[in-house]
Amino acid sequence: MTEHDSSTHRAPARPPVADRAAFEAEVARLRLREKAHTREGDAIAAARRRLPMVEVDATLELTGADGPVTLLDAFEGRRQLIAYYFMWHEGHEAADQCEGCTWVTNQVRELGFLYSRDITYAVFCQGPYEESRRYRDFMGWEMPWYSALPSNDELLTGRQVGSMHIVCYLREGDRVYETYWTTLRGVEVMDYDYALLDLTVYGRQELWEDSPSGWPQTMDAPPEHPMRTNGRPIPQWSRIEEGRSDDLTPG
């Protein structure tokens, strides 16, 4: 038995068995809904491209590896910028940092496809630079990393500071415009694990899901922390096993 089997040590429920023809008929029926979902996603993306934009002060200050920089600098000369606003718990070690932000940020590896379309991706951490940069190094991430603390309130004006956000920007010369933003489950667009889990018969195995009776929903994390196991964000365990220190104290 595995640690995720039910407490009664019974095998989890499973779908009924059908012959190939009946199976393919049900898949075809579901495919109609999947295609409608895809087309609706395309329509939403088209509407997103037609949103108005709002100008943002291009001189708003961030902190980078070499000290203060501006929002404009974070574009790295490209025309567009996608910024992920990473939640931060100041003064805490790695185990106490946001598992949701760790989960989605850990998916971002190859940036060449974005660069080829004149887009820069960067993390704007909502905590001190040195402390949060040590977390980036602990996790082994290589994307551009800034502290948004100097201008966090202005950058996220009208939104909940301290929550995860994706914000998209457009640069026209020395002027910067915000074109879109999303938060909470909207940041799932960064992740492929959930997309793959959603294809499987048992799904994400989380308590909120609409699954048949008897389906395993026994992840050891509480429902408000589904990306945490044994007391820390799931992707951290491989780093701990490698002997990396999760002490984020600068210096």
Protein backbone atom coordinates (compact mmCIF):
# COMPACT_ATOMS: atom_id res chain seq x y z
CA MET A 1 0.00 0.00 0.00
CA THR A 2 1.15 3.57 -0.54
CA GLU A 3 0.91 6.54 1.81
CA HIS A 4 -1.99 7.86 -0.30
CA ASP A 5 -4.17 4.72 -0.05
CA SER A 6 -7.37 5.04 1.94
CA SER A 7 -7.27 4.67 5.70
CA THR A 8 -9.29 1.45 5.41
CA HIS A 9 -6.52 -0.14 3.25
CA ARG A 10 -8.97 -0.88 0.46
CA ALA A 11 -8.08 -0.30 -3.16
CA PRO A 12 -9.59 2.93 -4.47
CA ALA A 13 -12.70 2.77 -6.58
CA ARG A 14 -12.26 2.66 -10.35
CA PRO A 15 -14.36 3.27 -13.45
CA PRO A 16 -16.52 0.50 -14.88
CA VAL A 17 -14.87 -1.65 -17.54
CA ALA A 18 -16.25 -1.41 -21.09
CA ASP A 19 -15.30 -2.86 -24.45
CA ARG A 20 -13.30 -0.73 -26.90
CA ALA A 21 -16.33 0.41 -28.90
CA ALA A 22 -18.24 1.62 -25.84
CA PHE A 23 -15.10 3.31 -24.48
CA GLU A 24 -14.44 5.16 -27.75
CA ALA A 25 -18.06 6.27 -27.94
CA GLU A 26 -17.82 7.88 -24.48
CA VAL A 27 -14.50 9.53 -25.37
CA ALA A 28 -16.05 10.95 -28.55
CA ARG A 29 -18.97 12.33 -26.54
CA LEU A 30 -16.59 14.03 -24.11
CA ARG A 31 -14.42 15.29 -26.99
CA LEU A 32 -17.28 17.49 -28.17
CA ARG A 33 -17.22 19.28 -24.80
CA GLU A 34 -13.41 19.49 -24.85
CA LYS A 35 -13.44 21.11 -28.30
CA ALA A 36 -16.09 23.59 -27.17
CA HIS A 37 -13.93 24.37 -24.15
CA THR A 38 -10.89 24.94 -26.39
CA ARG A 39 -12.84 27.22 -28.72
CA GLU A 40 -14.16 29.21 -25.75
CA GLY A 41 -10.61 29.56 -24.46
CA ASP A 42 -9.56 30.91 -27.86
CA ALA A 43 -12.45 33.39 -27.77
CA ILE A 44 -11.48 34.56 -24.28
CA ALA A 45 -7.87 35.02 -25.41
CA ALA A 46 -9.12 37.07 -28.36
CA ALA A 47 -11.15 39.26 -25.99
CA ARG A 48 -8.10 39.64 -23.77
CA ARG A 49 -6.14 41.00 -26.75
CA ARG A 50 -8.84 43.64 -27.20
CA LEU A 51 -8.79 44.97 -23.63
CA PRO A 52 -7.83 48.61 -23.11
CA MET A 53 -4.59 49.30 -21.29
CA VAL A 54 -3.57 51.66 -18.51
CA GLU A 55 -0.30 53.57 -18.24
CA VAL A 56 2.01 52.73 -15.37
CA ASP A 57 4.89 54.84 -14.10
CA ALA A 58 7.90 53.38 -15.92
CA THR A 59 10.26 54.72 -13.24
CA LEU A 60 8.74 52.71 -10.39
CA GLU A 61 11.62 51.22 -8.43
CA LEU A 62 12.51 47.54 -8.12
CA THR A 63 15.58 45.98 -6.51
CA GLY A 64 17.75 43.67 -8.59
CA ALA A 65 21.11 41.97 -8.26
CA ASP A 66 22.98 45.26 -8.69
CA GLY A 67 20.64 47.41 -6.62
CA PRO A 68 17.80 49.73 -7.65
CA VAL A 69 16.35 49.40 -11.15
CA THR A 70 13.14 50.62 -12.75
CA LEU A 71 10.10 48.82 -14.10
CA LEU A 72 11.30 49.87 -17.54
CA ASP A 73 14.67 48.17 -16.92
CA ALA A 74 12.91 44.88 -16.15
CA PHE A 75 11.80 44.65 -19.81
CA GLU A 76 15.46 44.02 -20.71
CA GLY A 77 14.84 45.91 -23.95
CA ARG A 78 11.96 43.71 -25.08
CA ARG A 79 8.53 45.04 -25.92
CA GLN A 80 6.46 42.99 -23.49
CA LEU A 81 6.92 41.85 -19.89
CA ILE A 82 5.15 39.15 -17.90
CA ALA A 83 5.72 39.66 -14.17
CA TYR A 84 4.85 37.06 -11.57
CA TYR A 85 4.28 38.64 -8.14
CA PHE A 86 5.63 36.11 -5.66
CA MET A 87 4.09 36.14 -2.17
CA TRP A 88 6.64 36.38 0.64
CA HIS A 89 6.75 35.71 4.39
CA GLU A 90 9.60 37.91 5.57
CA GLY A 91 11.99 36.46 8.10
CA HIS A 92 10.84 32.87 7.56
CA GLU A 93 12.90 29.95 6.30
CA ALA A 94 12.17 28.17 3.04
CA ALA A 95 9.74 25.66 4.57
CA ASP A 96 7.40 28.50 5.53
CA GLN A 97 7.30 30.22 2.14
CA CYS A 98 4.27 30.12 -0.15
CA GLU A 99 3.70 26.65 -1.59
CA GLY A 100 1.45 28.01 -4.33
CA CYS A 101 4.04 30.47 -5.62
CA THR A 102 6.71 27.79 -5.32
CA TRP A 103 4.55 25.35 -7.30
CA VAL A 104 3.90 27.65 -10.28
CA THR A 105 7.35 29.26 -10.33
CA ASN A 106 8.95 25.82 -10.39
CA GLN A 107 7.28 25.17 -13.77
CA VAL A 108 9.00 28.12 -15.47
CA ARG A 109 12.20 26.85 -17.05
CA GLU A 110 12.73 27.53 -20.76
CA LEU A 111 12.21 31.19 -21.61
CA GLY A 112 13.46 31.07 -25.19
CA PHE A 113 9.96 30.77 -26.66
CA LEU A 114 8.89 33.94 -24.85
CA TYR A 115 12.07 35.76 -25.89
CA SER A 116 11.44 34.79 -29.54
CA ARG A 117 8.19 36.75 -29.34
CA ASP A 118 9.81 39.80 -27.72
CA ILE A 119 8.57 38.97 -24.21
CA THR A 120 10.56 39.04 -20.97
CA TYR A 121 9.45 36.96 -17.99
CA ALA A 122 10.49 38.01 -14.48
CA VAL A 123 9.57 37.35 -10.87
CA PHE A 124 8.67 40.40 -8.79
CA CYS A 125 8.99 39.10 -5.25
CA GLN A 126 6.98 40.91 -2.60
CA GLY A 127 9.80 40.56 -0.09
CA PRO A 128 13.37 41.81 0.44
CA TYR A 129 15.76 41.12 -2.41
CA GLU A 130 18.60 39.34 -0.60
CA GLU A 131 16.33 37.10 1.45
CA SER A 132 14.15 36.13 -1.50
CA ARG A 133 17.11 35.77 -3.86
CA ARG A 134 18.49 33.14 -1.49
CA TYR A 135 15.20 31.28 -1.91
CA ARG A 136 15.56 31.45 -5.69
CA ASP A 137 19.07 30.00 -5.35
CA PHE A 138 17.87 27.31 -2.92
CA MET A 139 15.25 26.25 -5.47
CA GLY A 140 17.71 26.42 -8.37
CA TRP A 141 15.68 28.89 -10.41
CA GLU A 142 17.39 31.04 -13.05
CA MET A 143 14.71 33.46 -14.24
CA PRO A 144 15.18 37.24 -13.71
CA TRP A 145 14.37 38.06 -10.08
CA TYR A 146 13.53 41.39 -8.47
CA SER A 147 12.13 42.66 -5.23
CA ALA A 148 8.96 44.68 -5.77
CA LEU A 149 9.01 46.02 -2.20
CA PRO A 150 10.03 49.58 -3.12
CA SER A 151 6.91 50.01 -5.30
CA ASN A 152 4.63 47.09 -4.42
CA ASP A 153 1.62 49.21 -3.51
CA GLU A 154 1.86 51.29 -6.68
CA LEU A 155 2.47 48.29 -8.95
CA LEU A 156 -0.52 46.41 -7.53
CA THR A 157 -2.74 49.43 -7.00
CA GLY A 158 -6.32 48.45 -6.28
CA ARG A 159 -5.41 44.79 -5.78
CA GLN A 160 -4.57 42.64 -2.79
CA VAL A 161 -0.91 43.20 -2.02
CA GLY A 162 0.64 39.99 -0.69
CA SER A 163 -1.33 37.71 -3.00
CA MET A 164 -0.02 35.89 -6.08
CA HIS A 165 -0.56 37.77 -9.34
CA ILE A 166 0.46 37.64 -12.98
CA VAL A 167 0.63 41.09 -14.57
CA CYS A 168 1.34 41.74 -18.27
CA TYR A 169 2.92 44.94 -19.53
CA LEU A 170 3.61 46.57 -22.89
CA ARG A 171 6.44 49.02 -23.55
CA GLU A 172 6.23 51.81 -26.10
CA GLY A 173 9.58 53.57 -26.04
CA ASP A 174 10.04 54.78 -22.47
CA ARG A 175 6.38 54.45 -21.55
CA VAL A 176 4.88 51.36 -19.89
CA TYR A 177 1.29 50.13 -19.97
CA GLU A 178 -0.46 47.39 -18.04
CA THR A 179 -2.52 45.20 -20.39
CA TYR A 180 -3.82 42.34 -18.22
CA TRP A 181 -3.66 40.80 -14.78
CA THR A 182 -4.94 37.70 -13.00
CA THR A 183 -4.65 36.12 -9.56
CA LEU A 184 -5.50 33.04 -7.47
CA ARG A 185 -6.48 30.19 -9.81
CA GLY A 186 -5.65 32.38 -12.78
CA VAL A 187 -1.96 31.64 -12.17
CA GLU A 188 -2.57 27.97 -12.97
CA VAL A 189 -1.73 28.86 -16.58
CA MET A 190 1.93 28.61 -15.50
CA ASP A 191 1.59 24.97 -14.43
CA TYR A 192 1.55 21.77 -16.46
CA ASP A 193 1.30 19.30 -13.56
CA TYR A 194 -2.34 20.11 -12.85
CA ALA A 195 -3.15 20.00 -16.56
CA LEU A 196 -1.69 16.48 -16.72
CA LEU A 197 -3.40 15.41 -13.49
CA ASP A 198 -6.72 16.60 -14.91
CA LEU A 199 -6.30 14.06 -17.74
CA THR A 200 -6.01 11.12 -15.35
CA VAL A 201 -8.87 9.08 -13.92
CA TYR A 202 -8.24 10.21 -10.34
CA GLY A 203 -7.59 13.88 -11.22
CA ARG A 204 -5.85 16.11 -8.69
CA GLN A 205 -6.98 13.94 -5.78
CA GLU A 206 -7.96 17.01 -3.78
CA LEU A 207 -10.96 17.31 -1.50
CA TRP A 208 -12.74 20.05 -3.45
CA GLU A 209 -12.94 18.07 -6.71
CA ASP A 210 -16.17 16.62 -8.06
CA SER A 211 -15.16 12.96 -8.20
CA PRO A 212 -17.23 9.77 -7.94
CA SER A 213 -17.69 8.14 -4.55
CA GLY A 214 -14.66 6.11 -3.54
CA TRP A 215 -12.17 8.07 -5.64
CA PRO A 216 -8.91 8.74 -3.74
CA GLN A 217 -8.85 12.22 -2.23
CA THR A 218 -6.36 11.51 0.48
CA MET A 219 -3.48 13.89 -0.13
CA ASP A 220 -1.77 14.45 3.23
CA ALA A 221 -1.91 18.23 2.90
CA PRO A 222 -4.99 20.04 4.22
CA PRO A 223 -7.28 21.37 1.45
CA GLU A 224 -6.06 24.94 1.95
CA HIS A 225 -2.44 23.77 1.34
CA PRO A 226 -2.61 21.17 -1.46
CA MET A 227 0.93 21.94 -2.65
CA ARG A 228 2.54 21.14 0.72
CA THR A 229 3.57 17.74 2.06
CA ASN A 230 5.33 16.75 5.28
CA GLY A 231 5.50 20.37 6.36
CA ARG A 232 6.98 22.08 3.32
CA PRO A 233 6.24 22.95 -0.32
CA ILE A 234 6.52 19.75 -2.34
CA PRO A 235 9.35 20.82 -4.74
CA GLN A 236 11.64 21.59 -1.79
CA TRP A 237 12.19 17.97 -0.78
CA SER A 238 14.56 17.19 -3.65
CA ARG A 239 16.62 20.25 -2.72
CA ILE A 240 16.80 19.18 0.92
CA GLU A 241 17.91 15.70 -0.16
CA GLU A 242 20.71 17.36 -2.15
CA GLY A 243 21.91 18.98 1.08
CA ARG A 244 20.96 22.56 0.26
CA SER A 245 20.37 24.90 3.19
CA ASP A 246 16.93 26.47 3.47
CA ASP A 247 18.19 29.16 5.83
CA LEU A 248 17.35 32.38 3.97
CA THR A 249 19.15 34.73 6.35
CA PRO A 250 21.18 37.12 4.16
CA GLY A 251 24.91 36.61 4.56
